[in-house]
C-alpha atoms as a PDB file:
ATOM      1  CA  MET A   1      -5.401  33.409 -31.581  1.00  0.00           C
ATOM      2  CA  THR A   2      -5.425  30.324 -33.771  1.00  0.00           C
ATOM      3  CA  ALA A   3      -7.779  27.402 -33.125  1.00  0.00           C
ATOM      4  CA  ASP A   4      -5.227  24.804 -34.229  1.00  0.00           C
ATOM      5  CA  ARG A   5      -2.915  23.987 -31.393  1.00  0.00           C
ATOM      6  CA  ASP A   6       0.365  22.223 -31.949  1.00  0.00           C
ATOM      7  CA  PRO A   7       0.285  19.418 -29.383  1.00  0.00           C
ATOM      8  CA  GLY A   8       4.035  18.941 -29.524  1.00  0.00           C
ATOM      9  CA  LEU A   9       5.191  15.920 -27.624  1.00  0.00           C
ATOM     10  CA  GLN A  10       2.566  16.052 -24.887  1.00  0.00           C
ATOM     11  CA  PRO A  11       0.539  13.015 -26.113  1.00  0.00           C
ATOM     12  CA  GLU A  12       3.755  11.020 -26.489  1.00  0.00           C
ATOM     13  CA  ARG A  13       4.923  11.912 -22.974  1.00  0.00           C
ATOM     14  CA  THR A  14       1.523  11.017 -21.574  1.00  0.00           C
ATOM     15  CA  ARG A  15       1.557   7.690 -23.420  1.00  0.00           C
ATOM     16  CA  LEU A  16       5.003   6.906 -22.001  1.00  0.00           C
ATOM     17  CA  ALA A  17       3.792   7.828 -18.506  1.00  0.00           C
ATOM     18  CA  TRP A  18       0.875   5.406 -18.849  1.00  0.00           C
ATOM     19  CA  ARG A  19       3.270   2.671 -19.959  1.00  0.00           C
ATOM     20  CA  ARG A  20       5.571   3.284 -16.988  1.00  0.00           C
ATOM     21  CA  THR A  21       2.625   3.225 -14.620  1.00  0.00           C
ATOM     22  CA  THR A  22       1.372  -0.022 -16.151  1.00  0.00           C
ATOM     23  CA  LEU A  23       4.815  -1.541 -15.733  1.00  0.00           C
ATOM     24  CA  THR A  24       4.836  -0.467 -12.080  1.00  0.00           C
ATOM     25  CA  ALA A  25       1.396  -2.000 -11.490  1.00  0.00           C
ATOM     26  CA  THR A  26       2.611  -5.218 -13.117  1.00  0.00           C
ATOM     27  CA  VAL A  27       5.623  -5.374 -10.811  1.00  0.00           C
ATOM     28  CA  VAL A  28       3.411  -4.766  -7.768  1.00  0.00           C
ATOM     29  CA  ALA A  29       1.015  -7.550  -8.802  1.00  0.00           C
ATOM     30  CA  LEU A  30       3.905  -9.964  -9.416  1.00  0.00           C
ATOM     31  CA  LEU A  31       5.520  -9.128  -6.083  1.00  0.00           C
ATOM     32  CA  ALA A  32       2.176  -9.707  -4.380  1.00  0.00           C
ATOM     33  CA  GLY A  33       1.993 -13.165  -5.953  1.00  0.00           C
ATOM     34  CA  ARG A  34       5.565 -13.916  -4.966  1.00  0.00           C
ATOM     35  CA  GLN A  35       4.905 -12.822  -1.375  1.00  0.00           C
ATOM     36  CA  ALA A  36       1.849 -15.061  -1.183  1.00  0.00           C
ATOM     37  CA  LEU A  37       3.745 -18.079  -2.490  1.00  0.00           C
ATOM     38  CA  TYR A  38       6.678 -17.618  -0.125  1.00  0.00           C
ATOM     39  CA  SER A  39       4.469 -16.991   2.903  1.00  0.00           C
ATOM     40  CA  GLY A  40       2.840 -20.392   2.680  1.00  0.00           C
ATOM     41  CA  ALA A  41      -0.056 -19.705   0.304  1.00  0.00           C
ATOM     42  CA  THR A  42      -2.812 -19.487   2.899  1.00  0.00           C
ATOM     43  CA  PRO A  43      -6.376 -19.167   1.599  1.00  0.00           C
ATOM     44  CA  ALA A  44      -6.468 -15.486   2.587  1.00  0.00           C
ATOM     45  CA  ALA A  45      -3.226 -14.843   0.693  1.00  0.00           C
ATOM     46  CA  LEU A  46      -4.568 -16.614  -2.385  1.00  0.00           C
ATOM     47  CA  VAL A  47      -7.719 -14.491  -2.283  1.00  0.00           C
ATOM     48  CA  ALA A  48      -5.569 -11.361  -1.986  1.00  0.00           C
ATOM     49  CA  VAL A  49      -3.478 -12.492  -4.963  1.00  0.00           C
ATOM     50  CA  ALA A  50      -6.606 -13.180  -7.017  1.00  0.00           C
ATOM     51  CA  LEU A  51      -8.020  -9.758  -6.140  1.00  0.00           C
ATOM     52  CA  SER A  52      -4.661  -8.149  -6.941  1.00  0.00           C
ATOM     53  CA  ALA A  53      -4.676  -9.852 -10.336  1.00  0.00           C
ATOM     54  CA  LEU A  54      -8.213  -8.618 -10.956  1.00  0.00           C
ATOM     55  CA  ALA A  55      -7.258  -5.044  -9.992  1.00  0.00           C
ATOM     56  CA  TRP A  56      -4.187  -5.273 -12.222  1.00  0.00           C
ATOM     57  CA  LEU A  57      -6.285  -6.455 -15.163  1.00  0.00           C
ATOM     58  CA  GLY A  58      -8.707  -3.580 -14.621  1.00  0.00           C
ATOM     59  CA  PHE A  59      -5.863  -1.083 -14.589  1.00  0.00           C
ATOM     60  CA  LEU A  60      -4.311  -2.712 -17.639  1.00  0.00           C
ATOM     61  CA  LEU A  61      -7.575  -2.365 -19.547  1.00  0.00           C
ATOM     62  CA  VAL A  62      -7.932   1.326 -18.678  1.00  0.00           C
ATOM     63  CA  ALA A  63      -4.284   2.025 -19.522  1.00  0.00           C
ATOM     64  CA  HIS A  64      -4.493   0.180 -22.841  1.00  0.00           C
ATOM     65  CA  ARG A  65      -7.561   2.157 -23.860  1.00  0.00           C
ATOM     66  CA  ARG A  66      -5.904   5.433 -22.894  1.00  0.00           C
ATOM     67  CA  VAL A  67      -2.623   4.651 -24.680  1.00  0.00           C
ATOM     68  CA  SER A  68      -4.592   3.718 -27.808  1.00  0.00           C
ATOM     69  CA  VAL A  69      -6.446   7.051 -27.753  1.00  0.00           C
ATOM     70  CA  LEU A  70      -3.193   8.998 -27.359  1.00  0.00           C
ATOM     71  CA  GLY A  71      -1.956   7.852 -30.768  1.00  0.00           C
ATOM     72  CA  VAL A  72      -3.485  10.881 -32.511  1.00  0.00           C
ATOM     73  CA  ALA A  73      -2.427  14.538 -32.469  1.00  0.00           C
ATOM     74  CA  ARG A  74      -5.612  15.677 -30.679  1.00  0.00           C
ATOM     75  CA  PRO A  75      -6.622  12.874 -28.306  1.00  0.00           C
ATOM     76  CA  GLU A  76      -9.984  12.802 -26.573  1.00  0.00           C
ATOM     77  CA  GLN A  77     -10.150  13.899 -22.961  1.00  0.00           C
ATOM     78  CA  PHE A  78      -9.767  11.204 -20.356  1.00  0.00           C
ATOM     79  CA  ALA A  79     -13.240  10.178 -19.241  1.00  0.00           C
ATOM     80  CA  PRO A  80     -13.977  10.586 -15.515  1.00  0.00           C
ATOM     81  CA  ARG A  81     -15.077   6.945 -15.397  1.00  0.00           C
ATOM     82  CA  GLY A  82     -11.670   5.797 -16.694  1.00  0.00           C
ATOM     83  CA  ALA A  83      -9.831   8.014 -14.227  1.00  0.00           C
ATOM     84  CA  LEU A  84     -11.942   6.688 -11.357  1.00  0.00           C
ATOM     85  CA  THR A  85     -11.338   3.096 -12.447  1.00  0.00           C
ATOM     86  CA  ALA A  86      -7.580   3.648 -12.664  1.00  0.00           C
ATOM     87  CA  ALA A  87      -7.520   5.274  -9.224  1.00  0.00           C
ATOM     88  CA  LEU A  88      -9.619   2.513  -7.634  1.00  0.00           C
ATOM     89  CA  CYS A  89      -7.436  -0.204  -9.161  1.00  0.00           C
ATOM     90  CA  THR A  90      -4.309   1.523  -7.855  1.00  0.00           C
ATOM     91  CA  VAL A  91      -5.737   1.855  -4.354  1.00  0.00           C
ATOM     92  CA  ALA A  92      -6.958  -1.755  -4.464  1.00  0.00           C
ATOM     93  CA  LEU A  93      -3.479  -2.985  -5.394  1.00  0.00           C
ATOM     94  CA  ALA A  94      -2.012  -1.086  -2.452  1.00  0.00           C
ATOM     95  CA  VAL A  95      -4.645  -2.399  -0.030  1.00  0.00           C
ATOM     96  CA  PHE A  96      -4.274  -6.010  -1.154  1.00  0.00           C
ATOM     97  CA  ALA A  97      -0.482  -5.768  -0.961  1.00  0.00           C
ATOM     98  CA  ALA A  98      -0.712  -4.378   2.562  1.00  0.00           C
ATOM     99  CA  ALA A  99      -3.176  -7.112   3.547  1.00  0.00           C
ATOM    100  CA  MET A 100      -0.725  -9.792   2.419  1.00  0.00           C
ATOM    101  CA  LEU A 101       1.996  -8.351   4.588  1.00  0.00           C
ATOM    102  CA  PHE A 102      -0.027  -8.635   7.802  1.00  0.00           C
END
């Protein structure tokens, strides 16, 4: 068995998946802002929009770091801290979006 593994297109596919996920998070954050503006921009809605923007920025930072690492043939493993941050930002976006609806 050889120690050198041909990574094929796996890093490229993973990089594209991160970009799609970042685009989705961006759309969710923008729709949250739009919903807050059209619902009358109450203080609670503005706080939810601000928190959504903060969660989006956190996710964007994690995704940017991960996409940058995937530019090589043998990328480093995804750190548990980064995975936890991405998951928490995703859940936070969903919670803040749900809070703006009710």
